[in-house]
Amino acid sequence: DWAVGSDDLYFSTPNRVWSLEDAGSHLRWSSSVVSLPSTPVYLYSFGQVLVGSGDGRLYRLSASTGADAGVASWPVTLGAGNAAVGSPAFDSTVTPALAYAGTESGGVYAVVVQ
C-alpha cells in the first residue's frame, strides 16, 4: 500500500516503512521504528509520515529520514494499547488538524496533530 507526497512514495511491508524519491526511482530510506506498520499517510504540511502499528500506537516519522519525528507526546497509544492500529486518515481542514485511526479491537480514535 502506498502514500504519495510530492514526488516521493511511502509504503509499508510487514516489518518496515519505506520511502522512495523521484517518483519511485531511488530509495530514500527504510525504517524499522514501527512494529507491523499500517499503510502510511504523508502529512505534507508537517514533512512527516503518520503510520499505525501492531503495538497499539500511532507514530509520526520524519518524511526525510524515517526516524521518529521527535514530537512531544508521540507516539500516541490508542485505547488500552493492546490492539493493532490500522491505516490512519488525516484531516487538515479542521483546526487543529486531526488524524483518525481505528484499532483491531473496534475502537476509532481522533488524535490532534500539531
Protein backbone atom coordinates (compact mmCIF):
# COMPACT_ATOMS: atom_id res chain seq x y z
CA ASP A 1 0.00 0.00 0.00
CA TRP A 2 1.25 3.46 -0.97
CA ALA A 3 1.05 7.08 0.13
CA VAL A 4 2.25 9.76 -2.26
CA GLY A 5 3.89 13.02 -1.23
CA SER A 6 5.25 15.37 -3.86
CA ASP A 7 7.45 13.09 -6.00
CA ASP A 8 8.05 10.73 -3.08
CA LEU A 9 6.31 7.43 -2.37
CA TYR A 10 5.77 5.99 1.11
CA PHE A 11 4.72 2.40 1.73
CA SER A 12 4.93 -0.36 4.27
CA THR A 13 5.78 -4.03 4.33
CA PRO A 14 5.20 -6.31 7.34
CA ASN A 15 8.33 -5.07 9.17
CA ARG A 16 9.32 -1.74 7.60
CA VAL A 17 8.14 1.64 6.33
CA TRP A 18 9.83 2.75 3.09
CA SER A 19 10.36 5.99 1.19
CA LEU A 20 11.23 6.18 -2.49
CA GLU A 21 12.12 9.50 -4.08
CA ASP A 22 11.97 10.79 -7.65
CA ALA A 23 8.66 9.04 -8.37
CA GLY A 24 10.00 5.75 -7.08
CA SER A 25 13.33 5.61 -8.88
CA HIS A 26 15.56 5.84 -5.76
CA LEU A 27 15.39 4.52 -2.22
CA ARG A 28 15.40 7.42 0.24
CA TRP A 29 15.11 5.37 3.45
CA SER A 30 13.60 2.34 5.10
CA SER A 31 12.73 2.27 8.77
CA SER A 32 12.03 -0.46 11.29
CA VAL A 33 10.95 2.03 14.01
CA VAL A 34 7.32 0.86 13.73
CA SER A 35 6.30 -2.70 14.56
CA LEU A 36 3.88 -4.19 11.99
CA PRO A 37 3.24 -0.85 10.26
CA SER A 38 -0.04 0.09 8.58
CA THR A 39 -0.26 1.92 5.29
CA PRO A 40 1.39 5.31 5.89
CA VAL A 41 -0.14 8.74 5.32
CA TYR A 42 2.05 11.64 4.22
CA LEU A 43 1.49 14.84 6.23
CA TYR A 44 2.59 17.42 3.68
CA SER A 45 2.38 20.49 5.91
CA PHE A 46 4.42 18.76 8.64
CA GLY A 47 7.00 16.95 6.48
CA GLN A 48 6.10 13.76 8.31
CA VAL A 49 4.59 10.34 7.74
CA LEU A 50 1.83 9.05 10.01
CA VAL A 51 1.60 5.28 10.49
CA GLY A 52 -0.31 2.88 12.73
CA SER A 53 1.39 -0.09 14.34
CA GLY A 54 0.92 -3.56 15.70
CA ASP A 55 1.95 -2.32 19.16
CA GLY A 56 -1.21 -0.22 19.65
CA ARG A 57 0.36 3.14 18.85
CA LEU A 58 0.20 5.80 16.16
CA TYR A 59 3.63 7.09 15.05
CA ARG A 60 4.94 10.21 13.31
CA LEU A 61 8.11 9.66 11.28
CA SER A 62 10.28 12.24 9.59
CA ALA A 63 9.50 12.14 5.86
CA SER A 64 13.14 12.91 5.05
CA THR A 65 14.83 10.32 7.31
CA GLY A 66 12.26 7.76 8.54
CA ALA A 67 13.32 8.36 12.14
CA ASP A 68 10.83 9.12 14.89
CA ALA A 69 9.79 12.73 14.26
CA GLY A 70 10.57 13.68 17.86
CA VAL A 71 7.17 15.27 18.50
CA ALA A 72 6.32 15.58 22.20
CA SER A 73 3.74 13.03 23.40
CA TRP A 74 4.15 10.89 20.27
CA PRO A 75 3.85 8.04 19.54
CA VAL A 76 0.27 8.03 20.82
CA THR A 77 -1.19 4.91 22.42
CA LEU A 78 -4.75 4.30 21.24
CA GLY A 79 -7.14 2.75 23.72
CA ALA A 80 -5.54 0.20 26.04
CA GLY A 81 -2.63 -0.14 23.59
CA ASN A 82 -3.20 -3.86 23.14
CA ALA A 83 -4.77 -3.83 19.66
CA ALA A 84 -3.11 -3.14 16.29
CA VAL A 85 -3.74 0.32 14.83
CA GLY A 86 -4.96 0.46 11.24
CA SER A 87 -4.15 2.91 8.49
CA PRO A 88 -4.80 6.48 9.61
CA ALA A 89 -6.67 9.22 7.80
CA PHE A 90 -5.71 12.88 8.10
CA ASP A 91 -7.94 15.96 8.07
CA SER A 92 -6.15 19.28 7.77
CA THR A 93 -9.36 21.21 7.05
CA VAL A 94 -10.19 21.44 10.76
CA THR A 95 -8.32 23.36 13.45
CA PRO A 96 -6.45 21.75 15.00
CA ALA A 97 -5.76 19.11 12.33
CA LEU A 98 -6.90 15.61 13.23
CA ALA A 99 -5.73 12.09 12.47
CA TYR A 100 -8.30 9.30 12.65
CA ALA A 101 -7.41 5.67 13.17
CA GLY A 102 -9.21 2.50 14.09
CA THR A 103 -7.88 -0.40 16.12
CA GLU A 104 -8.27 -4.13 15.80
CA SER A 105 -10.43 -4.08 18.94
CA GLY A 106 -13.06 -1.95 17.15
CA GLY A 107 -12.27 1.49 18.57
CA VAL A 108 -11.98 4.57 16.34
CA TYR A 109 -9.92 7.48 17.63
CA ALA A 110 -9.33 11.12 16.68
CA VAL A 111 -5.89 12.47 17.59
CA VAL A 112 -4.82 16.13 17.41
CA VAL A 113 -1.88 16.70 15.06
CA GLN A 114 0.02 19.97 15.63
